[in-house]
Amino acid sequence: MGVEIAAVMSFLGLTSAFAVVAAVLGTWMAWRILEKAGYPGWLSLVVALLTLSGVAWIVALVLLWVFAFMRWPRDQPSGGMAVAGTSPGAIIGPAPRSIGAPSRALPDRRGWRLVGMLPSGTGIALAIAETTASWVVTGAATTKPGELSVPDPSVGQPHARLLSAGGRLGLEALGDGETFIDGARLLPEHGARDISAARLIRFGKVELGLSRA
């Protein structure tokens, strides 16, 4: 076998030093290939001995270099799969959480307040809760739930009706008493009007500021 190797080296013009380096590199590349394929690396020594014959030794060395830098199935990480259209080493991450439909806004349950001064100089504050759908404004003293008293001679008995529903507030004039919404006169024939965005409400001569409770 030594004569055959010497003849090959002489034929190709290779020196003994190059032959030693080539043999070492060939063995190392064979070791790497066998490990990637799942076999023990020491089998590369057997492969190196089998390739030391004639021109096949050079061919085997070239193939070792080609196969060593090929991508093998074992090169893929075990934790995931490659995603189509991405780089070979890309990993599929966890699926993003689905975004649910936006929650429906809850109605405002704070209620309303009417605050002001009587012509006599006495302060007055009326609380309008969302739990009651209809309130009657009267100049008399309250005698039952759902009544709001504005004790002044200019306020009728009853004078107006407040309607509360869905976070909004409405106002309906009753009788002949004067009722104003931000300076605009409200008559009974106008029906109920939305006053949720109003600032000032006047019953007779009593002006009250409207706000959220």
N, C-alpha and C. Protein backbone atom coordinates (compact mmCIF):
# COMPACT_ATOMS: atom_id res chain seq x y z
N MET A 1 0.83 -1.20 0.00
CA MET A 1 0.00 0.00 0.00
C MET A 1 0.86 1.25 0.00
N GLY A 2 1.99 1.20 0.71
CA GLY A 2 2.89 2.35 0.75
C GLY A 2 3.43 2.69 -0.61
N VAL A 3 3.69 1.66 -1.43
CA VAL A 3 4.19 1.90 -2.79
C VAL A 3 3.12 2.59 -3.63
N GLU A 4 1.88 2.16 -3.46
CA GLU A 4 0.79 2.77 -4.24
C GLU A 4 0.61 4.23 -3.87
N ILE A 5 0.66 4.54 -2.56
CA ILE A 5 0.51 5.93 -2.12
C ILE A 5 1.64 6.79 -2.66
N ALA A 6 2.90 6.23 -2.60
CA ALA A 6 4.05 6.99 -3.10
C ALA A 6 3.92 7.25 -4.59
N ALA A 7 3.39 6.25 -5.33
CA ALA A 7 3.22 6.42 -6.77
C ALA A 7 2.19 7.51 -7.07
N VAL A 8 1.10 7.52 -6.28
CA VAL A 8 0.06 8.53 -6.50
C VAL A 8 0.61 9.92 -6.21
N MET A 9 1.37 10.04 -5.11
CA MET A 9 1.94 11.33 -4.76
C MET A 9 2.93 11.81 -5.81
N SER A 10 3.72 10.86 -6.32
CA SER A 10 4.69 11.22 -7.36
C SER A 10 3.99 11.63 -8.64
N PHE A 11 2.87 10.93 -8.95
CA PHE A 11 2.13 11.23 -10.17
C PHE A 11 1.50 12.63 -10.09
N LEU A 12 1.01 12.98 -8.93
CA LEU A 12 0.35 14.27 -8.76
C LEU A 12 1.31 15.38 -8.36
N GLY A 13 2.56 15.05 -8.12
CA GLY A 13 3.54 16.05 -7.73
C GLY A 13 3.37 16.52 -6.31
N LEU A 14 2.83 15.69 -5.44
CA LEU A 14 2.56 16.07 -4.06
C LEU A 14 3.72 15.66 -3.18
N THR A 15 4.02 16.48 -2.19
CA THR A 15 5.10 16.16 -1.27
C THR A 15 4.58 15.34 -0.11
N SER A 16 5.47 14.74 0.62
CA SER A 16 5.06 13.93 1.77
C SER A 16 4.40 14.79 2.84
N ALA A 17 4.86 16.04 2.98
CA ALA A 17 4.25 16.93 3.98
C ALA A 17 2.79 17.21 3.65
N PHE A 18 2.53 17.45 2.39
CA PHE A 18 1.14 17.68 1.98
C PHE A 18 0.29 16.43 2.20
N ALA A 19 0.87 15.28 1.96
CA ALA A 19 0.13 14.04 2.16
C ALA A 19 -0.27 13.88 3.61
N VAL A 20 0.61 14.24 4.52
CA VAL A 20 0.29 14.13 5.95
C VAL A 20 -0.84 15.09 6.31
N VAL A 21 -0.73 16.35 5.83
CA VAL A 21 -1.77 17.34 6.12
C VAL A 21 -3.10 16.91 5.53
N ALA A 22 -3.09 16.41 4.30
CA ALA A 22 -4.32 15.97 3.66
C ALA A 22 -4.94 14.81 4.41
N ALA A 23 -4.11 13.88 4.90
CA ALA A 23 -4.64 12.74 5.65
C ALA A 23 -5.30 13.19 6.94
N VAL A 24 -4.67 14.15 7.62
CA VAL A 24 -5.24 14.66 8.88
C VAL A 24 -6.57 15.37 8.62
N LEU A 25 -6.59 16.24 7.59
CA LEU A 25 -7.83 16.94 7.26
C LEU A 25 -8.93 15.99 6.83
N GLY A 26 -8.55 14.99 6.05
CA GLY A 26 -9.54 14.02 5.61
C GLY A 26 -10.13 13.25 6.77
N THR A 27 -9.29 12.86 7.71
CA THR A 27 -9.79 12.14 8.89
C THR A 27 -10.72 13.03 9.71
N TRP A 28 -10.32 14.31 9.86
CA TRP A 28 -11.16 15.23 10.66
C TRP A 28 -12.52 15.46 10.01
N MET A 29 -12.53 15.62 8.68
CA MET A 29 -13.78 15.84 7.98
C MET A 29 -14.66 14.60 8.06
N ALA A 30 -14.05 13.43 7.96
CA ALA A 30 -14.82 12.19 8.09
C ALA A 30 -15.42 12.08 9.48
N TRP A 31 -14.64 12.47 10.50
CA TRP A 31 -15.14 12.44 11.88
C TRP A 31 -16.38 13.34 12.03
N ARG A 32 -16.32 14.53 11.42
CA ARG A 32 -17.44 15.48 11.52
C ARG A 32 -18.68 14.94 10.82
N ILE A 33 -18.49 14.34 9.65
CA ILE A 33 -19.62 13.81 8.89
C ILE A 33 -20.29 12.68 9.65
N LEU A 34 -19.48 11.79 10.22
CA LEU A 34 -20.05 10.66 10.94
C LEU A 34 -20.83 11.12 12.17
N GLU A 35 -20.32 12.15 12.86
CA GLU A 35 -21.04 12.66 14.03
C GLU A 35 -22.38 13.28 13.63
N LYS A 36 -22.40 14.00 12.51
CA LYS A 36 -23.65 14.59 12.04
C LYS A 36 -24.65 13.52 11.64
N ALA A 37 -24.15 12.43 11.09
CA ALA A 37 -25.02 11.34 10.67
C ALA A 37 -25.48 10.49 11.84
N GLY A 38 -24.93 10.73 13.03
CA GLY A 38 -25.35 9.97 14.20
C GLY A 38 -24.50 8.75 14.49
N TYR A 39 -23.34 8.65 13.86
CA TYR A 39 -22.45 7.51 14.09
C TYR A 39 -21.27 7.95 14.95
N PRO A 40 -20.59 7.00 15.61
CA PRO A 40 -19.40 7.35 16.41
C PRO A 40 -18.32 7.97 15.53
N GLY A 41 -17.68 9.03 16.03
CA GLY A 41 -16.67 9.73 15.25
C GLY A 41 -15.42 8.91 14.99
N TRP A 42 -15.11 7.93 15.86
CA TRP A 42 -13.87 7.17 15.66
C TRP A 42 -13.92 6.31 14.42
N LEU A 43 -15.13 6.13 13.83
CA LEU A 43 -15.20 5.36 12.59
C LEU A 43 -14.50 6.08 11.44
N SER A 44 -14.21 7.39 11.64
CA SER A 44 -13.51 8.13 10.59
C SER A 44 -12.11 7.57 10.35
N LEU A 45 -11.52 6.96 11.37
CA LEU A 45 -10.20 6.35 11.18
C LEU A 45 -10.29 5.20 10.20
N VAL A 46 -11.38 4.44 10.30
CA VAL A 46 -11.57 3.33 9.36
C VAL A 46 -11.78 3.87 7.95
N VAL A 47 -12.57 4.96 7.85
CA VAL A 47 -12.81 5.56 6.53
C VAL A 47 -11.52 6.06 5.92
N ALA A 48 -10.66 6.67 6.75
CA ALA A 48 -9.39 7.18 6.25
C ALA A 48 -8.51 6.05 5.72
N LEU A 49 -8.50 4.92 6.41
CA LEU A 49 -7.69 3.78 5.94
C LEU A 49 -8.24 3.21 4.64
N LEU A 50 -9.59 3.21 4.52
CA LEU A 50 -10.18 2.65 3.31
C LEU A 50 -9.94 3.53 2.08
N THR A 51 -9.75 4.84 2.31
CA THR A 51 -9.55 5.75 1.17
C THR A 51 -8.10 5.86 0.73
N LEU A 52 -7.18 5.23 1.45
CA LEU A 52 -5.76 5.33 1.09
C LEU A 52 -5.41 4.31 0.01
N SER A 53 -5.99 4.46 -1.16
CA SER A 53 -5.67 3.55 -2.26
C SER A 53 -5.88 4.27 -3.58
N GLY A 54 -4.85 4.52 -4.33
CA GLY A 54 -4.92 5.07 -5.68
C GLY A 54 -5.57 6.44 -5.73
N VAL A 55 -6.16 6.72 -6.91
CA VAL A 55 -6.81 8.00 -7.15
C VAL A 55 -8.06 8.15 -6.29
N ALA A 56 -8.65 7.05 -5.84
CA ALA A 56 -9.85 7.11 -5.00
C ALA A 56 -9.61 7.90 -3.73
N TRP A 57 -8.36 7.95 -3.29
CA TRP A 57 -8.02 8.71 -2.07
C TRP A 57 -8.27 10.20 -2.28
N ILE A 58 -7.87 10.71 -3.45
CA ILE A 58 -8.10 12.12 -3.75
C ILE A 58 -9.59 12.40 -3.92
N VAL A 59 -10.31 11.52 -4.62
CA VAL A 59 -11.74 11.69 -4.83
C VAL A 59 -12.49 11.68 -3.51
N ALA A 60 -12.11 10.75 -2.63
CA ALA A 60 -12.77 10.67 -1.33
C ALA A 60 -12.53 11.93 -0.51
N LEU A 61 -11.31 12.49 -0.61
CA LEU A 61 -10.99 13.70 0.14
C LEU A 61 -11.86 14.87 -0.33
N VAL A 62 -12.04 15.00 -1.64
CA VAL A 62 -12.89 16.06 -2.17
C VAL A 62 -14.34 15.89 -1.71
N LEU A 63 -14.83 14.64 -1.75
CA LEU A 63 -16.20 14.39 -1.32
C LEU A 63 -16.39 14.67 0.16
N LEU A 64 -15.35 14.38 0.95
CA LEU A 64 -15.44 14.65 2.39
C LEU A 64 -15.65 16.14 2.64
N TRP A 65 -14.91 16.98 1.91
CA TRP A 65 -15.05 18.44 2.07
C TRP A 65 -16.44 18.90 1.64
N VAL A 66 -16.95 18.32 0.54
CA VAL A 66 -18.28 18.71 0.06
C VAL A 66 -19.36 18.33 1.06
N PHE A 67 -19.30 17.07 1.54
CA PHE A 67 -20.32 16.59 2.46
C PHE A 67 -20.24 17.26 3.82
N ALA A 68 -19.03 17.66 4.22
CA ALA A 68 -18.86 18.25 5.55
C ALA A 68 -19.59 19.58 5.68
N PHE A 69 -19.71 20.34 4.57
CA PHE A 69 -20.34 21.65 4.64
C PHE A 69 -21.76 21.65 4.10
N MET A 70 -22.30 20.47 3.82
CA MET A 70 -23.70 20.36 3.44
C MET A 70 -24.57 20.46 4.69
N ARG A 71 -25.79 20.93 4.54
CA ARG A 71 -26.71 21.02 5.68
C ARG A 71 -27.41 19.69 5.86
N TRP A 72 -27.24 19.12 7.03
CA TRP A 72 -27.82 17.82 7.34
C TRP A 72 -29.10 18.01 8.16
N PRO A 73 -30.01 17.02 8.14
CA PRO A 73 -31.23 17.13 8.95
C PRO A 73 -30.95 17.35 10.43
N ARG A 74 -29.81 16.81 10.91
CA ARG A 74 -29.49 16.97 12.34
C ARG A 74 -29.11 18.40 12.68
N ASP A 75 -28.80 19.23 11.63
CA ASP A 75 -28.46 20.63 11.90
C ASP A 75 -29.68 21.44 12.32
N GLN A 76 -30.90 20.95 12.00
CA GLN A 76 -32.10 21.68 12.37
C GLN A 76 -32.33 21.58 13.87
N PRO A 77 -32.60 22.70 14.56
CA PRO A 77 -32.86 22.64 16.00
C PRO A 77 -34.06 21.76 16.29
N SER A 78 -34.00 21.02 17.37
CA SER A 78 -35.06 20.10 17.72
C SER A 78 -36.27 20.78 18.33
N GLY A 79 -36.17 22.06 18.73
CA GLY A 79 -37.25 22.73 19.42
C GLY A 79 -38.32 23.30 18.52
N GLY A 80 -38.18 23.22 17.19
CA GLY A 80 -39.20 23.80 16.33
C GLY A 80 -38.95 23.45 14.89
N MET A 81 -39.76 23.96 13.98
CA MET A 81 -39.64 23.70 12.57
C MET A 81 -39.33 24.99 11.84
N ALA A 82 -38.67 24.86 10.71
CA ALA A 82 -38.35 26.03 9.90
C ALA A 82 -39.62 26.57 9.29
N VAL A 83 -39.77 27.86 9.25
CA VAL A 83 -40.95 28.49 8.68
C VAL A 83 -40.70 28.77 7.21
N ALA A 84 -41.68 28.45 6.37
CA ALA A 84 -41.53 28.69 4.95
C ALA A 84 -41.34 30.17 4.69
N GLY A 85 -40.35 30.49 3.84
CA GLY A 85 -40.09 31.87 3.50
C GLY A 85 -39.15 32.56 4.46
N THR A 86 -38.62 31.83 5.47
CA THR A 86 -37.68 32.42 6.41
C THR A 86 -36.34 31.74 6.24
N SER A 87 -35.34 32.20 6.96
CA SER A 87 -34.02 31.60 6.89
C SER A 87 -34.08 30.18 7.43
N PRO A 88 -33.17 29.27 6.97
CA PRO A 88 -33.24 27.87 7.36
C PRO A 88 -33.19 27.67 8.87
N GLY A 89 -32.52 28.53 9.60
CA GLY A 89 -32.40 28.33 11.04
C GLY A 89 -33.52 28.95 11.85
N ALA A 90 -34.51 29.56 11.15
CA ALA A 90 -35.58 30.24 11.88
C ALA A 90 -36.45 29.24 12.61
N ILE A 91 -36.97 29.65 13.78
CA ILE A 91 -37.79 28.78 14.60
C ILE A 91 -39.19 29.38 14.74
N ILE A 92 -40.17 28.51 14.68
CA ILE A 92 -41.54 28.96 14.88
C ILE A 92 -41.74 29.27 16.35
N GLY A 93 -42.07 30.48 16.68
CA GLY A 93 -42.31 30.86 18.06
C GLY A 93 -43.72 30.50 18.48
N PRO A 94 -44.06 30.77 19.72
CA PRO A 94 -45.41 30.48 20.20
C PRO A 94 -46.45 31.30 19.45
N ALA A 95 -47.60 30.71 19.22
CA ALA A 95 -48.66 31.39 18.48
C ALA A 95 -49.13 32.62 19.25
N PRO A 96 -49.31 33.75 18.57
CA PRO A 96 -49.77 34.95 19.28
C PRO A 96 -51.17 34.76 19.82
N ARG A 97 -51.43 35.37 20.96
CA ARG A 97 -52.76 35.27 21.55
C ARG A 97 -53.76 36.05 20.71
N SER A 98 -54.90 35.43 20.52
CA SER A 98 -55.93 36.10 19.74
C SER A 98 -56.49 37.27 20.53
N ILE A 99 -56.77 38.34 19.82
CA ILE A 99 -57.31 39.54 20.44
C ILE A 99 -58.83 39.48 20.38
N GLY A 100 -59.44 39.45 21.53
CA GLY A 100 -60.88 39.36 21.58
C GLY A 100 -61.55 40.66 21.15
N ALA A 101 -62.83 40.57 20.96
CA ALA A 101 -63.60 41.76 20.58
C ALA A 101 -63.57 42.77 21.72
N PRO A 102 -63.51 44.05 21.39
CA PRO A 102 -63.48 45.06 22.45
C PRO A 102 -64.72 44.99 23.31
N SER A 103 -64.53 45.12 24.61
CA SER A 103 -65.65 45.04 25.54
C SER A 103 -66.58 46.23 25.34
N ARG A 104 -67.84 45.98 25.50
CA ARG A 104 -68.83 47.04 25.33
C ARG A 104 -68.75 47.99 26.52
N ALA A 105 -68.74 49.27 26.21
CA ALA A 105 -68.64 50.28 27.27
C ALA A 105 -69.86 50.22 28.18
N LEU A 106 -69.62 50.24 29.48
CA LEU A 106 -70.70 50.19 30.44
C LEU A 106 -71.35 51.57 30.55
N PRO A 107 -72.67 51.61 30.71
CA PRO A 107 -73.33 52.91 30.84
C PRO A 107 -72.90 53.61 32.13
N ASP A 108 -72.90 54.93 32.06
CA ASP A 108 -72.51 55.73 33.22
C ASP A 108 -73.65 55.72 34.24
N ARG A 109 -73.34 55.24 35.46
CA ARG A 109 -74.35 55.14 36.50
C ARG A 109 -74.18 56.20 37.59
N ARG A 110 -73.49 57.26 37.30
CA ARG A 110 -73.21 58.23 38.35
C ARG A 110 -74.41 59.10 38.71
N GLY A 111 -75.39 59.20 37.87
CA GLY A 111 -76.52 60.07 38.15
C GLY A 111 -76.20 61.52 37.81
N TRP A 112 -77.11 62.43 38.22
CA TRP A 112 -77.00 63.85 37.88
C TRP A 112 -77.26 64.70 39.11
N ARG A 113 -76.82 65.97 39.02
CA ARG A 113 -77.05 66.92 40.11
C ARG A 113 -77.48 68.26 39.52
N LEU A 114 -78.46 68.88 40.20
CA LEU A 114 -78.89 70.24 39.89
C LEU A 114 -78.63 71.09 41.13
N VAL A 115 -77.75 72.06 41.00
CA VAL A 115 -77.33 72.86 42.15
C VAL A 115 -77.49 74.34 41.82
N GLY A 116 -78.01 75.10 42.79
CA GLY A 116 -78.16 76.54 42.58
C GLY A 116 -78.65 77.25 43.83
N MET A 117 -79.24 78.42 43.62
CA MET A 117 -79.73 79.25 44.73
C MET A 117 -81.19 79.62 44.47
N LEU A 118 -81.99 79.63 45.55
CA LEU A 118 -83.36 80.12 45.47
C LEU A 118 -83.34 81.65 45.50
N PRO A 119 -84.37 82.31 45.00
CA PRO A 119 -84.41 83.78 45.06
C PRO A 119 -84.25 84.32 46.49
N SER A 120 -84.60 83.51 47.47
CA SER A 120 -84.46 83.93 48.86
C SER A 120 -83.02 83.87 49.35
N GLY A 121 -82.13 83.30 48.55
CA GLY A 121 -80.72 83.18 48.94
C GLY A 121 -80.37 81.84 49.54
N THR A 122 -81.33 80.94 49.63
CA THR A 122 -81.09 79.60 50.18
C THR A 122 -80.54 78.69 49.08
N GLY A 123 -79.50 77.95 49.43
CA GLY A 123 -78.94 77.01 48.45
C GLY A 123 -79.83 75.80 48.27
N ILE A 124 -79.78 75.20 47.10
CA ILE A 124 -80.58 74.02 46.80
C ILE A 124 -79.76 73.06 45.95
N ALA A 125 -79.89 71.78 46.24
CA ALA A 125 -79.19 70.74 45.47
C ALA A 125 -80.13 69.56 45.28
N LEU A 126 -80.33 69.17 44.04
CA LEU A 126 -81.21 68.05 43.70
C LEU A 126 -80.38 66.91 43.13
N ALA A 127 -80.56 65.71 43.69
CA ALA A 127 -79.85 64.52 43.21
C ALA A 127 -80.79 63.68 42.36
N ILE A 128 -80.34 63.35 41.15
CA ILE A 128 -81.16 62.56 40.21
C ILE A 128 -80.45 61.24 39.98
N ALA A 129 -80.95 60.19 40.59
CA ALA A 129 -80.31 58.87 40.49
C ALA A 129 -80.74 58.16 39.22
N GLU A 130 -79.84 57.29 38.71
CA GLU A 130 -80.15 56.52 37.50
C GLU A 130 -81.14 55.41 37.78
N THR A 131 -81.32 55.08 39.05
CA THR A 131 -82.21 53.97 39.40
C THR A 131 -83.67 54.31 39.19
N THR A 132 -84.00 55.58 39.12
CA THR A 132 -85.38 56.02 38.89
C THR A 132 -85.48 56.65 37.51
N ALA A 133 -86.42 56.16 36.70
CA ALA A 133 -86.49 56.60 35.31
C ALA A 133 -87.16 57.96 35.16
N SER A 134 -88.06 58.33 36.07
CA SER A 134 -88.81 59.57 35.92
C SER A 134 -88.86 60.33 37.25
N TRP A 135 -88.61 61.63 37.18
CA TRP A 135 -88.67 62.51 38.34
C TRP A 135 -89.57 63.70 38.01
N VAL A 136 -90.38 64.10 38.98
CA VAL A 136 -91.28 65.24 38.81
C VAL A 136 -90.76 66.40 39.64
N VAL A 137 -90.53 67.53 38.97
CA VAL A 137 -90.10 68.76 39.66
C VAL A 137 -91.36 69.54 40.05
N THR A 138 -91.45 69.86 41.34
CA THR A 138 -92.63 70.55 41.85
C THR A 138 -92.22 71.64 42.83
N GLY A 139 -93.07 72.66 42.93
CA GLY A 139 -92.82 73.73 43.89
C GLY A 139 -93.29 73.39 45.28
N ALA A 140 -94.03 72.28 45.42
CA ALA A 140 -94.53 71.86 46.72
C ALA A 140 -93.53 70.93 47.39
N ALA A 141 -93.82 70.60 48.62
CA ALA A 141 -92.99 69.64 49.34
C ALA A 141 -93.19 68.25 48.75
N THR A 142 -92.16 67.45 48.78
CA THR A 142 -92.26 66.09 48.23
C THR A 142 -93.12 65.22 49.14
N THR A 143 -93.95 64.40 48.52
CA THR A 143 -94.83 63.50 49.28
C THR A 143 -94.63 62.04 48.92
N LYS A 144 -93.87 61.77 47.86
CA LYS A 144 -93.65 60.38 47.44
C LYS A 144 -92.34 60.28 46.68
N PRO A 145 -91.80 59.07 46.55
CA PRO A 145 -90.54 58.90 45.81
C PRO A 145 -90.69 59.36 44.36
N GLY A 146 -89.61 59.87 43.79
CA GLY A 146 -89.64 60.32 42.41
C GLY A 146 -90.02 61.77 42.26
N GLU A 147 -90.12 62.51 43.38
CA GLU A 147 -90.42 63.94 43.32
C GLU A 147 -89.21 64.76 43.75
N LEU A 148 -89.02 65.90 43.11
CA LEU A 148 -87.94 66.83 43.45
C LEU A 148 -88.57 68.18 43.77
N SER A 149 -88.34 68.66 44.97
CA SER A 149 -88.96 69.90 45.42
C SER A 149 -88.05 71.10 45.19
N VAL A 150 -88.60 72.11 44.52
CA VAL A 150 -87.94 73.41 44.34
C VAL A 150 -88.87 74.44 44.97
N PRO A 151 -88.72 74.68 46.26
CA PRO A 151 -89.69 75.51 46.99
C PRO A 151 -89.61 76.99 46.66
N ASP A 152 -90.32 77.36 45.61
CA ASP A 152 -90.38 78.77 45.21
C ASP A 152 -91.72 79.01 44.53
N PRO A 153 -92.34 80.18 44.78
CA PRO A 153 -93.66 80.44 44.19
C PRO A 153 -93.67 80.43 42.66
N SER A 154 -92.52 80.64 42.03
CA SER A 154 -92.48 80.66 40.56
C SER A 154 -92.47 79.27 39.95
N VAL A 155 -92.34 78.25 40.77
CA VAL A 155 -92.28 76.87 40.29
C VAL A 155 -93.65 76.23 40.43
N GLY A 156 -94.15 75.63 39.33
CA GLY A 156 -95.47 75.03 39.32
C GLY A 156 -95.54 73.74 40.13
N GLN A 157 -96.80 73.24 40.27
CA GLN A 157 -97.04 72.02 41.04
C GLN A 157 -97.96 71.08 40.25
N PRO A 158 -97.42 70.28 39.35
CA PRO A 158 -96.00 70.08 39.04
C PRO A 158 -95.52 71.10 38.00
N HIS A 159 -94.20 71.12 37.84
CA HIS A 159 -93.60 72.10 36.93
C HIS A 159 -92.97 71.43 35.70
N ALA A 160 -92.21 70.36 35.93
CA ALA A 160 -91.50 69.69 34.82
C ALA A 160 -91.23 68.24 35.19
N ARG A 161 -90.83 67.48 34.20
CA ARG A 161 -90.48 66.08 34.43
C ARG A 161 -89.07 65.82 33.89
N LEU A 162 -88.25 65.15 34.69
CA LEU A 162 -86.90 64.73 34.29
C LEU A 162 -86.92 63.24 34.00
N LEU A 163 -86.33 62.85 32.87
CA LEU A 163 -86.30 61.45 32.44
C LEU A 163 -84.86 60.97 32.38
N SER A 164 -84.56 59.90 33.10
CA SER A 164 -83.19 59.36 33.16
C SER A 164 -83.17 57.96 32.57
N ALA A 165 -82.30 57.75 31.55
CA ALA A 165 -82.20 56.43 30.91
C ALA A 165 -80.91 56.33 30.12
N GLY A 166 -80.21 55.20 30.27
CA GLY A 166 -79.01 54.93 29.48
C GLY A 166 -77.91 55.95 29.64
N GLY A 167 -77.79 56.53 30.84
CA GLY A 167 -76.73 57.51 31.07
C GLY A 167 -77.03 58.88 30.51
N ARG A 168 -78.27 59.11 30.07
CA ARG A 168 -78.66 60.41 29.52
C ARG A 168 -79.83 60.97 30.34
N LEU A 169 -80.04 62.27 30.20
CA LEU A 169 -81.09 62.95 30.97
C LEU A 169 -81.95 63.78 30.04
N GLY A 170 -83.27 63.62 30.20
CA GLY A 170 -84.21 64.38 29.39
C GLY A 170 -85.07 65.28 30.28
N LEU A 171 -85.66 66.31 29.67
CA LEU A 171 -86.50 67.26 30.39
C LEU A 171 -87.76 67.55 29.58
N GLU A 172 -88.89 67.51 30.29
CA GLU A 172 -90.19 67.80 29.66
C GLU A 172 -90.92 68.85 30.51
N ALA A 173 -91.39 69.90 29.88
CA ALA A 173 -92.12 70.96 30.60
C ALA A 173 -93.55 70.53 30.84
N LEU A 174 -94.08 70.87 32.04
CA LEU A 174 -95.46 70.56 32.40
C LEU A 174 -96.15 71.85 32.85
N GLY A 175 -97.40 72.03 32.49
CA GLY A 175 -98.14 73.20 32.95
C GLY A 175 -97.68 74.47 32.25
N ASP A 176 -97.96 75.61 32.93
CA ASP A 176 -97.70 76.92 32.35
C ASP A 176 -96.44 77.58 32.90
N GLY A 177 -95.73 76.93 33.81
CA GLY A 177 -94.53 77.54 34.38
C GLY A 177 -93.42 77.66 33.35
N GLU A 178 -92.56 78.61 33.58
CA GLU A 178 -91.46 78.85 32.65
C GLU A 178 -90.34 77.84 32.90
N THR A 179 -89.86 77.24 31.80
CA THR A 179 -88.75 76.29 31.86
C THR A 179 -87.77 76.64 30.74
N PHE A 180 -86.48 76.75 31.10
CA PHE A 180 -85.45 77.15 30.13
C PHE A 180 -84.28 76.16 30.17
N ILE A 181 -83.72 75.90 28.97
CA ILE A 181 -82.52 75.06 28.84
C ILE A 181 -81.43 75.92 28.22
N ASP A 182 -80.44 76.29 29.00
CA ASP A 182 -79.36 77.17 28.53
C ASP A 182 -79.93 78.42 27.86
N GLY A 183 -80.97 79.00 28.48
CA GLY A 183 -81.56 80.24 27.98
C GLY A 183 -82.65 80.06 26.95
N ALA A 184 -82.89 78.83 26.46
CA ALA A 184 -83.92 78.59 25.45
C ALA A 184 -85.19 78.09 26.13
N ARG A 185 -86.32 78.68 25.79
CA ARG A 185 -87.60 78.34 26.41
C ARG A 185 -88.05 76.95 25.96
N LEU A 186 -88.51 76.14 26.94
CA LEU A 186 -89.05 74.81 26.65
C LEU A 186 -90.53 74.82 27.00
N LEU A 187 -91.37 74.53 26.01
CA LEU A 187 -92.82 74.50 26.19
C LEU A 187 -93.32 73.07 26.25
N PRO A 188 -94.49 72.85 26.84
CA PRO A 188 -95.02 71.48 26.92
C PRO A 188 -95.19 70.82 25.56
N GLU A 189 -95.54 71.61 24.54
CA GLU A 189 -95.73 71.02 23.20
C GLU A 189 -94.43 70.59 22.55
N HIS A 190 -93.30 70.99 23.11
CA HIS A 190 -92.00 70.56 22.57
C HIS A 190 -91.67 69.12 22.93
N GLY A 191 -92.36 68.60 23.93
CA GLY A 191 -92.07 67.24 24.36
C GLY A 191 -90.78 67.18 25.18
N ALA A 192 -90.28 65.98 25.35
CA ALA A 192 -89.05 65.78 26.14
C ALA A 192 -87.83 66.11 25.28
N ARG A 193 -86.86 66.82 25.87
CA ARG A 193 -85.62 67.18 25.18
C ARG A 193 -84.42 66.64 25.97
N ASP A 194 -83.41 66.20 25.23
CA ASP A 194 -82.18 65.69 25.85
C ASP A 194 -81.38 66.88 26.40
N ILE A 195 -81.11 66.85 27.70
CA ILE A 195 -80.34 67.95 28.32
C ILE A 195 -79.01 67.44 28.89
N SER A 196 -78.54 66.28 28.41
CA SER A 196 -77.31 65.70 28.94
C SER A 196 -76.12 66.64 28.77
N ALA A 197 -76.11 67.42 27.69
CA ALA A 197 -74.99 68.33 27.44
C ALA A 197 -75.28 69.76 27.88
N ALA A 198 -76.44 69.98 28.51
CA ALA A 198 -76.80 71.33 28.93
C ALA A 198 -76.02 71.75 30.18
N ARG A 199 -75.96 73.06 30.40
CA ARG A 199 -75.24 73.61 31.56
C ARG A 199 -76.18 74.20 32.60
N LEU A 200 -77.17 74.98 32.14
CA LEU A 200 -78.06 75.68 33.06
C LEU A 200 -79.52 75.34 32.76
N ILE A 201 -80.26 75.01 33.81
CA ILE A 201 -81.68 74.73 33.71
C ILE A 201 -82.41 75.70 34.64
N ARG A 202 -83.48 76.33 34.11
CA ARG A 202 -84.22 77.28 34.95
C ARG A 202 -85.68 76.86 35.06
N PHE A 203 -86.12 76.71 36.32
CA PHE A 203 -87.52 76.42 36.63
C PHE A 203 -88.10 77.69 37.27
N GLY A 204 -89.01 78.36 36.56
CA GLY A 204 -89.54 79.63 37.07
C GLY A 204 -88.42 80.64 37.17
N LYS A 205 -88.12 81.10 38.40
CA LYS A 205 -87.04 82.04 38.62
C LYS A 205 -85.81 81.39 39.25
N VAL A 206 -85.84 80.08 39.36
CA VAL A 206 -84.74 79.35 40.01
C VAL A 206 -83.83 78.76 38.93
N GLU A 207 -82.60 79.23 38.89
CA GLU A 207 -81.62 78.73 37.91
C GLU A 207 -80.68 77.75 38.59
N LEU A 208 -80.54 76.56 37.98
CA LEU A 208 -79.72 75.49 38.55
C LEU A 208 -78.68 75.03 37.54
N GLY A 209 -77.50 74.73 38.03
CA GLY A 209 -76.44 74.20 37.17
C GLY A 209 -76.51 72.68 37.12
N LEU A 210 -76.41 72.13 35.92
CA LEU A 210 -76.50 70.67 35.73
C LEU A 210 -75.10 70.07 35.62
N SER A 211 -74.88 68.98 36.33
CA SER A 211 -73.58 68.30 36.27
C SER A 211 -73.77 66.84 36.65
N ARG A 212 -72.71 66.06 36.41
CA ARG A 212 -72.73 64.66 36.83
C ARG A 212 -72.52 64.57 38.34
N ALA A 213 -73.18 63.59 38.94
CA ALA A 213 -73.06 63.42 40.39
C ALA A 213 -71.67 62.90 40.75
